[in-house]
C-alpha atoms as a PDB file:
ATOM      1  CA  MET A   1      73.545 110.854 115.555  1.00  0.00           C
ATOM      2  CA  SER A   2      74.571 107.208 115.279  1.00  0.00           C
ATOM      3  CA  GLU A   3      78.277 106.380 115.375  1.00  0.00           C
ATOM      4  CA  THR A   4      79.619 103.605 113.130  1.00  0.00           C
ATOM      5  CA  PRO A   5      81.519 100.997 115.155  1.00  0.00           C
ATOM      6  CA  GLN A   6      85.297 101.003 114.549  1.00  0.00           C
ATOM      7  CA  TRP A   7      85.282  97.511 113.060  1.00  0.00           C
ATOM      8  CA  LEU A   8      82.917  98.541 110.267  1.00  0.00           C
ATOM      9  CA  ASP A   9      83.654 100.586 107.192  1.00  0.00           C
ATOM     10  CA  GLU A  10      80.845 101.794 104.947  1.00  0.00           C
ATOM     11  CA  GLU A  11      82.732 100.903 101.771  1.00  0.00           C
ATOM     12  CA  ALA A  12      84.486  97.716 102.831  1.00  0.00           C
ATOM     13  CA  GLY A  13      82.024  96.268 105.330  1.00  0.00           C
ATOM     14  CA  ALA A  14      83.175  94.303 108.351  1.00  0.00           C
ATOM     15  CA  PHE A  15      86.922  94.360 109.031  1.00  0.00           C
ATOM     16  CA  VAL A  16      88.657  91.374 110.581  1.00  0.00           C
ATOM     17  CA  ARG A  17      92.236  91.629 111.800  1.00  0.00           C
ATOM     18  CA  PRO A  18      94.584  89.215 109.976  1.00  0.00           C
ATOM     19  CA  TYR A  19      95.602  87.447 113.203  1.00  0.00           C
ATOM     20  CA  ALA A  20      91.939  86.581 113.794  1.00  0.00           C
ATOM     21  CA  LEU A  21      91.943  84.568 110.556  1.00  0.00           C
ATOM     22  CA  THR A  22      94.731  82.366 111.893  1.00  0.00           C
ATOM     23  CA  ARG A  23      93.458  82.288 115.497  1.00  0.00           C
ATOM     24  CA  GLY A  24      96.603  84.114 116.567  1.00  0.00           C
ATOM     25  CA  ARG A  25      99.015  81.599 115.018  1.00  0.00           C
ATOM     26  CA  THR A  26     102.024  82.908 113.129  1.00  0.00           C
ATOM     27  CA  ARG A  27     103.519  79.615 111.901  1.00  0.00           C
ATOM     28  CA  THR A  28     102.322  76.488 110.160  1.00  0.00           C
ATOM     29  CA  THR A  29     102.623  73.052 111.702  1.00  0.00           C
ATOM     30  CA  GLY A  30     104.756  71.758 108.845  1.00  0.00           C
ATOM     31  CA  GLU A  31     107.488  73.068 106.639  1.00  0.00           C
ATOM     32  CA  THR A  32     107.419  76.813 105.910  1.00  0.00           C
ATOM     33  CA  LEU A  33     106.091  77.540 102.455  1.00  0.00           C
ATOM     34  CA  ASP A  34     108.425  79.359 100.074  1.00  0.00           C
ATOM     35  CA  LEU A  35     106.972  82.432  98.345  1.00  0.00           C
ATOM     36  CA  ILE A  36     107.439  80.798  94.957  1.00  0.00           C
ATOM     37  CA  ALA A  37     106.116  77.389  95.983  1.00  0.00           C
ATOM     38  CA  THR A  38     103.211  76.343  93.785  1.00  0.00           C
ATOM     39  CA  VAL A  39      99.924  75.286  95.373  1.00  0.00           C
ATOM     40  CA  SER A  40      97.088  73.390  93.712  1.00  0.00           C
ATOM     41  CA  ALA A  41      93.660  72.478  95.060  1.00  0.00           C
ATOM     42  CA  VAL A  42      93.060  68.759  95.521  1.00  0.00           C
ATOM     43  CA  GLY A  43      89.511  67.419  95.537  1.00  0.00           C
ATOM     44  CA  ASP A  44      86.340  69.157  96.642  1.00  0.00           C
ATOM     45  CA  PRO A  45      86.297  71.408  99.706  1.00  0.00           C
ATOM     46  CA  PRO A  46      84.407  70.079 102.714  1.00  0.00           C
ATOM     47  CA  GLY A  47      81.877  72.140 104.613  1.00  0.00           C
ATOM     48  CA  GLY A  48      82.936  74.279 107.530  1.00  0.00           C
ATOM     49  CA  LEU A  49      85.766  76.144 105.803  1.00  0.00           C
ATOM     50  CA  GLY A  50      86.058  79.898 106.220  1.00  0.00           C
ATOM     51  CA  PRO A  51      85.646  82.323 103.313  1.00  0.00           C
ATOM     52  CA  GLU A  52      89.405  82.879 103.065  1.00  0.00           C
ATOM     53  CA  GLN A  53      90.120  79.161 102.792  1.00  0.00           C
ATOM     54  CA  LEU A  54      87.429  78.798 100.140  1.00  0.00           C
ATOM     55  CA  ALA A  55      88.931  81.735  98.233  1.00  0.00           C
ATOM     56  CA  ILE A  56      92.344  80.050  98.373  1.00  0.00           C
ATOM     57  CA  LEU A  57      90.897  76.811  97.014  1.00  0.00           C
ATOM     58  CA  ARG A  58      89.155  78.708  94.193  1.00  0.00           C
ATOM     59  CA  ALA A  59      92.404  80.503  93.329  1.00  0.00           C
ATOM     60  CA  ALA A  60      94.328  77.209  93.456  1.00  0.00           C
ATOM     61  CA  ARG A  61      92.128  75.424  90.923  1.00  0.00           C
ATOM     62  CA  SER A  62      95.036  76.170  88.617  1.00  0.00           C
ATOM     63  CA  PRO A  63      98.556  76.080  90.051  1.00  0.00           C
ATOM     64  CA  ILE A  64      99.393  79.380  91.764  1.00  0.00           C
ATOM     65  CA  THR A  65     102.335  80.575  93.850  1.00  0.00           C
ATOM     66  CA  VAL A  66     102.078  81.426  97.535  1.00  0.00           C
ATOM     67  CA  ALA A  67     102.905  85.062  96.728  1.00  0.00           C
ATOM     68  CA  ASP A  68     100.134  85.204  94.114  1.00  0.00           C
ATOM     69  CA  VAL A  69      97.619  83.767  96.591  1.00  0.00           C
ATOM     70  CA  ALA A  70      98.509  86.583  98.999  1.00  0.00           C
ATOM     71  CA  VAL A  71      97.960  89.143  96.241  1.00  0.00           C
ATOM     72  CA  GLU A  72      94.724  87.482  95.133  1.00  0.00           C
ATOM     73  CA  LEU A  73      93.280  87.537  98.666  1.00  0.00           C
ATOM     74  CA  ASP A  74      94.859  90.889  99.607  1.00  0.00           C
ATOM     75  CA  LEU A  75      96.231  89.369 102.821  1.00  0.00           C
ATOM     76  CA  PRO A  76      99.686  89.418 104.412  1.00  0.00           C
ATOM     77  CA  VAL A  77     101.932  86.573 103.280  1.00  0.00           C
ATOM     78  CA  GLY A  78     102.318  85.315 106.858  1.00  0.00           C
ATOM     79  CA  VAL A  79      98.554  84.884 107.191  1.00  0.00           C
ATOM     80  CA  VAL A  80      98.335  83.161 103.803  1.00  0.00           C
ATOM     81  CA  ARG A  81     101.137  80.762 104.780  1.00  0.00           C
ATOM     82  CA  VAL A  82      99.259  79.730 107.939  1.00  0.00           C
ATOM     83  CA  LEU A  83      95.988  79.254 106.024  1.00  0.00           C
ATOM     84  CA  LEU A  84      97.784  77.262 103.323  1.00  0.00           C
ATOM     85  CA  GLY A  85      99.466  75.142 105.990  1.00  0.00           C
ATOM     86  CA  ASP A  86      96.052  74.314 107.456  1.00  0.00           C
ATOM     87  CA  LEU A  87      94.730  73.348 104.023  1.00  0.00           C
ATOM     88  CA  ARG A  88      97.849  71.230 103.397  1.00  0.00           C
ATOM     89  CA  ASP A  89      97.424  69.499 106.781  1.00  0.00           C
ATOM     90  CA  HIS A  90      93.859  68.571 105.788  1.00  0.00           C
ATOM     91  CA  GLY A  91      94.951  67.274 102.366  1.00  0.00           C
ATOM     92  CA  LEU A  92      93.062  69.967 100.447  1.00  0.00           C
ATOM     93  CA  ILE A  93      96.059  71.352  98.555  1.00  0.00           C
ATOM     94  CA  SER A  94      99.279  69.993  97.158  1.00  0.00           C
ATOM     95  CA  VAL A  95     102.450  72.053  97.402  1.00  0.00           C
ATOM     96  CA  THR A  96     105.357  71.861  94.981  1.00  0.00           C
ATOM     97  CA  SER A  97     108.472  73.500  96.341  1.00  0.00           C
ATOM     98  CA  PRO A  98     110.691  75.394  93.895  1.00  0.00           C
ATOM     99  CA  ASN A  99     113.548  72.946  94.485  1.00  0.00           C
ATOM    100  CA  ALA A 100     111.366  70.053  93.328  1.00  0.00           C
ATOM    101  CA  GLU A 101     110.683  71.684  89.956  1.00  0.00           C
ATOM    102  CA  GLY A 102     114.179  71.160  88.650  1.00  0.00           C
ATOM    103  CA  PRO A 103     117.710  72.470  88.797  1.00  0.00           C
ATOM    104  CA  ARG A 104     118.344  76.188  89.062  1.00  0.00           C
ATOM    105  CA  PRO A 105     121.056  78.045  87.183  1.00  0.00           C
ATOM    106  CA  SER A 106     124.318  78.512  89.024  1.00  0.00           C
ATOM    107  CA  GLU A 107     125.181  81.812  90.662  1.00  0.00           C
ATOM    108  CA  ARG A 108     128.074  82.225  88.224  1.00  0.00           C
ATOM    109  CA  ILE A 109     125.760  82.055  85.213  1.00  0.00           C
ATOM    110  CA  LEU A 110     123.354  84.560  86.751  1.00  0.00           C
ATOM    111  CA  LYS A 111     126.224  86.987  87.421  1.00  0.00           C
ATOM    112  CA  GLU A 112     127.394  86.632  83.812  1.00  0.00           C
ATOM    113  CA  VAL A 113     123.881  87.429  82.577  1.00  0.00           C
ATOM    114  CA  ILE A 114     123.667  90.498  84.811  1.00  0.00           C
ATOM    115  CA  ASN A 115     127.104  91.693  83.655  1.00  0.00           C
ATOM    116  CA  GLY A 116     126.079  91.144  80.036  1.00  0.00           C
ATOM    117  CA  LEU A 117     122.899  93.169  80.527  1.00  0.00           C
ATOM    118  CA  ARG A 118     124.832  95.988  82.171  1.00  0.00           C
ATOM    119  CA  ALA A 119     127.207  96.048  79.214  1.00  0.00           C
ATOM    120  CA  LEU A 120     124.325  96.769  76.829  1.00  0.00           C
END
């Protein structure tokens, strides 16, 4: 009887630990990416990228948030942030932080909205 190695699953195929995708890194070299920051692919991907990076670039053909990339790839957000940081460092994506998109409503207004909804 042949035993299936632990790193293989008949349904899913080969399993790679998330930290292997980032070569053990837990942080990006630049600014930390906010969950609601929008990323967009820039230009054509060069050769030598891993499948996860290519999947990110495919997903980012249209603007997509960091959180949505994590959902799309079914990877932890920390891993996605490191991969996105690498792509940003190589000029393959552009990142728009939520603060750059315009002013946000004040906390007072948000509290008034919540109180109004509760009153309904």
